[in-house]
């Protein structure tokens, strides 16, 4: 599997967001459409990269983010 991805525009880029699933908060650094291999099938997913206050980034589904606090 070749690593293939593309950056996508998003209205919340560089703003504070919250991951609904985990409750983690941080700044949305990027939204990337990338290929993943699951159960032997390659498909595209849109991932949000969120940087927390500790500097570490987590990923989550784009549909699981919402605008965060200040």
N, C-alpha and C. Protein backbone atom coordinates (compact mmCIF):
# COMPACT_ATOMS: atom_id res chain seq x y z
N UNK A 1 0.85 -1.18 0.00
CA UNK A 1 0.00 0.00 0.00
C UNK A 1 0.89 1.24 0.00
N UNK A 2 0.70 2.08 -0.96
CA UNK A 2 1.43 3.34 -1.03
C UNK A 2 0.72 4.36 -0.14
N UNK A 3 1.51 5.17 0.55
CA UNK A 3 0.92 6.21 1.40
C UNK A 3 0.44 7.35 0.51
N UNK A 4 -0.87 7.58 0.52
CA UNK A 4 -1.46 8.62 -0.31
C UNK A 4 -2.34 9.49 0.58
N UNK A 5 -2.21 10.80 0.45
CA UNK A 5 -3.03 11.70 1.25
C UNK A 5 -3.14 13.05 0.56
N UNK A 6 -4.13 13.83 1.01
CA UNK A 6 -4.29 15.20 0.54
C UNK A 6 -4.84 16.05 1.68
N UNK A 7 -4.36 17.27 1.77
CA UNK A 7 -4.85 18.22 2.77
C UNK A 7 -6.17 18.80 2.30
N UNK A 8 -7.10 18.98 3.24
CA UNK A 8 -8.41 19.52 2.92
C UNK A 8 -8.66 20.81 3.68
N UNK A 9 -9.39 21.74 3.08
CA UNK A 9 -9.76 22.96 3.81
C UNK A 9 -10.84 22.61 4.85
N UNK A 10 -10.88 23.37 5.93
CA UNK A 10 -11.91 23.17 6.96
C UNK A 10 -12.12 24.50 7.67
N UNK A 11 -13.37 24.87 7.96
CA UNK A 11 -13.63 26.18 8.58
C UNK A 11 -13.06 26.33 10.00
N UNK A 12 -12.74 25.23 10.67
CA UNK A 12 -12.21 25.31 12.04
C UNK A 12 -10.69 25.21 12.12
N UNK A 13 -10.00 25.18 10.99
CA UNK A 13 -8.53 25.11 11.02
C UNK A 13 -7.95 26.24 11.85
N UNK A 14 -6.94 25.90 12.66
CA UNK A 14 -6.22 26.85 13.53
C UNK A 14 -7.09 27.45 14.63
N UNK A 15 -8.21 26.79 14.93
CA UNK A 15 -9.05 27.23 16.05
C UNK A 15 -9.17 26.10 17.06
N UNK A 16 -9.64 26.44 18.25
CA UNK A 16 -9.78 25.45 19.31
C UNK A 16 -10.99 24.57 19.02
N UNK A 17 -10.78 23.24 19.12
CA UNK A 17 -11.84 22.28 18.88
C UNK A 17 -11.86 21.23 19.99
N UNK A 18 -12.93 20.45 20.00
CA UNK A 18 -13.06 19.35 20.95
C UNK A 18 -13.43 18.10 20.18
N UNK A 19 -12.77 17.00 20.55
CA UNK A 19 -13.11 15.70 19.98
C UNK A 19 -14.28 15.16 20.79
N UNK A 20 -15.43 15.01 20.16
CA UNK A 20 -16.64 14.58 20.85
C UNK A 20 -16.45 13.21 21.50
N UNK A 21 -15.77 12.31 20.82
CA UNK A 21 -15.60 10.95 21.30
C UNK A 21 -14.76 10.86 22.57
N UNK A 22 -13.60 11.50 22.58
CA UNK A 22 -12.68 11.38 23.72
C UNK A 22 -12.77 12.54 24.70
N UNK A 23 -13.33 13.67 24.25
CA UNK A 23 -13.38 14.86 25.09
C UNK A 23 -12.10 15.68 25.05
N UNK A 24 -11.11 15.21 24.28
CA UNK A 24 -9.84 15.93 24.17
C UNK A 24 -10.05 17.26 23.47
N UNK A 25 -9.31 18.28 23.92
CA UNK A 25 -9.40 19.61 23.31
C UNK A 25 -8.03 20.05 22.83
N UNK A 26 -8.03 20.90 21.82
CA UNK A 26 -6.79 21.43 21.28
C UNK A 26 -7.08 22.24 20.05
N UNK A 27 -6.03 22.53 19.30
CA UNK A 27 -6.13 23.34 18.08
C UNK A 27 -6.13 22.40 16.88
N UNK A 28 -7.09 22.61 15.98
CA UNK A 28 -7.16 21.82 14.76
C UNK A 28 -6.02 22.25 13.84
N UNK A 29 -5.06 21.37 13.64
CA UNK A 29 -3.87 21.69 12.85
C UNK A 29 -4.03 21.35 11.37
N UNK A 30 -4.77 20.27 11.08
CA UNK A 30 -4.93 19.85 9.69
C UNK A 30 -6.11 18.90 9.57
N UNK A 31 -6.67 18.86 8.37
CA UNK A 31 -7.64 17.83 8.01
C UNK A 31 -7.06 17.17 6.77
N UNK A 32 -6.90 15.86 6.85
CA UNK A 32 -6.24 15.13 5.78
C UNK A 32 -7.11 13.97 5.33
N UNK A 33 -7.26 13.84 4.04
CA UNK A 33 -7.93 12.71 3.43
C UNK A 33 -6.83 11.72 3.08
N UNK A 34 -6.81 10.56 3.73
CA UNK A 34 -5.72 9.63 3.48
C UNK A 34 -6.23 8.20 3.34
N UNK A 35 -5.41 7.39 2.70
CA UNK A 35 -5.77 6.00 2.51
C UNK A 35 -5.38 5.19 3.74
N UNK A 36 -6.24 4.28 4.11
CA UNK A 36 -5.95 3.35 5.20
C UNK A 36 -6.31 1.95 4.73
N UNK A 37 -5.70 0.97 5.37
CA UNK A 37 -5.97 -0.42 5.05
C UNK A 37 -6.69 -1.04 6.23
N UNK A 38 -7.92 -1.46 6.01
CA UNK A 38 -8.71 -2.08 7.07
C UNK A 38 -9.34 -3.35 6.52
N UNK A 39 -9.18 -4.42 7.26
CA UNK A 39 -9.71 -5.74 6.85
C UNK A 39 -9.33 -6.08 5.42
N UNK A 40 -8.10 -5.73 5.06
CA UNK A 40 -7.60 -6.06 3.73
C UNK A 40 -8.08 -5.19 2.60
N UNK A 41 -8.87 -4.18 2.92
CA UNK A 41 -9.41 -3.29 1.90
C UNK A 41 -8.88 -1.88 2.12
N UNK A 42 -8.34 -1.29 1.05
CA UNK A 42 -7.83 0.08 1.12
C UNK A 42 -8.97 1.05 0.84
N UNK A 43 -9.12 2.07 1.70
CA UNK A 43 -10.15 3.08 1.47
C UNK A 43 -9.70 4.43 2.01
N UNK A 44 -10.43 5.49 1.65
CA UNK A 44 -10.10 6.85 2.07
C UNK A 44 -10.85 7.21 3.34
N UNK A 45 -10.18 7.93 4.25
CA UNK A 45 -10.83 8.47 5.44
C UNK A 45 -10.37 9.91 5.63
N UNK A 46 -11.24 10.74 6.21
CA UNK A 46 -10.88 12.12 6.53
C UNK A 46 -10.56 12.18 8.01
N UNK A 47 -9.31 12.53 8.33
CA UNK A 47 -8.86 12.60 9.70
C UNK A 47 -8.55 14.04 10.10
N UNK A 48 -8.94 14.38 11.32
CA UNK A 48 -8.61 15.68 11.90
C UNK A 48 -7.41 15.49 12.82
N UNK A 49 -6.42 16.35 12.70
CA UNK A 49 -5.24 16.32 13.56
C UNK A 49 -5.37 17.46 14.57
N UNK A 50 -5.47 17.10 15.84
CA UNK A 50 -5.68 18.07 16.91
C UNK A 50 -4.45 18.11 17.81
N UNK A 51 -3.88 19.29 18.02
CA UNK A 51 -2.71 19.45 18.89
C UNK A 51 -3.16 19.93 20.26
N UNK A 52 -2.89 19.13 21.27
CA UNK A 52 -3.26 19.46 22.64
C UNK A 52 -2.28 20.44 23.27
N UNK A 53 -2.59 20.87 24.48
CA UNK A 53 -1.74 21.83 25.19
C UNK A 53 -0.35 21.25 25.46
N UNK A 54 -0.23 19.93 25.55
CA UNK A 54 1.07 19.30 25.80
C UNK A 54 1.92 19.19 24.54
N UNK A 55 1.39 19.62 23.38
CA UNK A 55 2.14 19.59 22.14
C UNK A 55 1.95 18.33 21.33
N UNK A 56 1.32 17.33 21.91
CA UNK A 56 1.08 16.09 21.18
C UNK A 56 -0.18 16.21 20.32
N UNK A 57 -0.14 15.54 19.17
CA UNK A 57 -1.29 15.56 18.29
C UNK A 57 -2.02 14.23 18.34
N UNK A 58 -3.34 14.31 18.28
CA UNK A 58 -4.16 13.12 18.17
C UNK A 58 -4.94 13.21 16.87
N UNK A 59 -5.43 12.10 16.40
CA UNK A 59 -6.29 12.10 15.22
C UNK A 59 -7.66 11.60 15.61
N UNK A 60 -8.64 12.08 14.88
CA UNK A 60 -10.01 11.64 15.07
C UNK A 60 -10.76 11.86 13.76
N UNK A 61 -11.91 11.26 13.65
CA UNK A 61 -12.73 11.47 12.46
C UNK A 61 -13.18 12.93 12.40
N UNK A 62 -13.20 13.49 11.22
CA UNK A 62 -13.59 14.89 11.05
C UNK A 62 -15.01 15.12 11.59
N UNK A 63 -15.88 14.15 11.43
CA UNK A 63 -17.25 14.28 11.90
C UNK A 63 -17.38 14.29 13.41
N UNK A 64 -16.30 13.99 14.12
CA UNK A 64 -16.32 13.95 15.58
C UNK A 64 -15.74 15.19 16.24
N UNK A 65 -15.52 16.26 15.48
CA UNK A 65 -15.00 17.47 16.10
C UNK A 65 -16.06 18.57 16.12
N UNK A 66 -15.95 19.42 17.13
CA UNK A 66 -16.81 20.58 17.23
C UNK A 66 -16.00 21.74 17.76
N UNK A 67 -16.50 22.96 17.54
CA UNK A 67 -15.79 24.15 18.03
C UNK A 67 -15.64 24.05 19.53
N UNK A 68 -14.46 24.40 20.04
CA UNK A 68 -14.19 24.33 21.47
C UNK A 68 -14.32 25.68 22.12
N UNK A 69 -13.89 25.73 23.37
CA UNK A 69 -13.94 26.97 24.13
C UNK A 69 -12.82 27.92 23.76
N UNK A 70 -12.63 28.97 24.55
CA UNK A 70 -11.61 29.99 24.24
C UNK A 70 -10.20 29.50 24.23
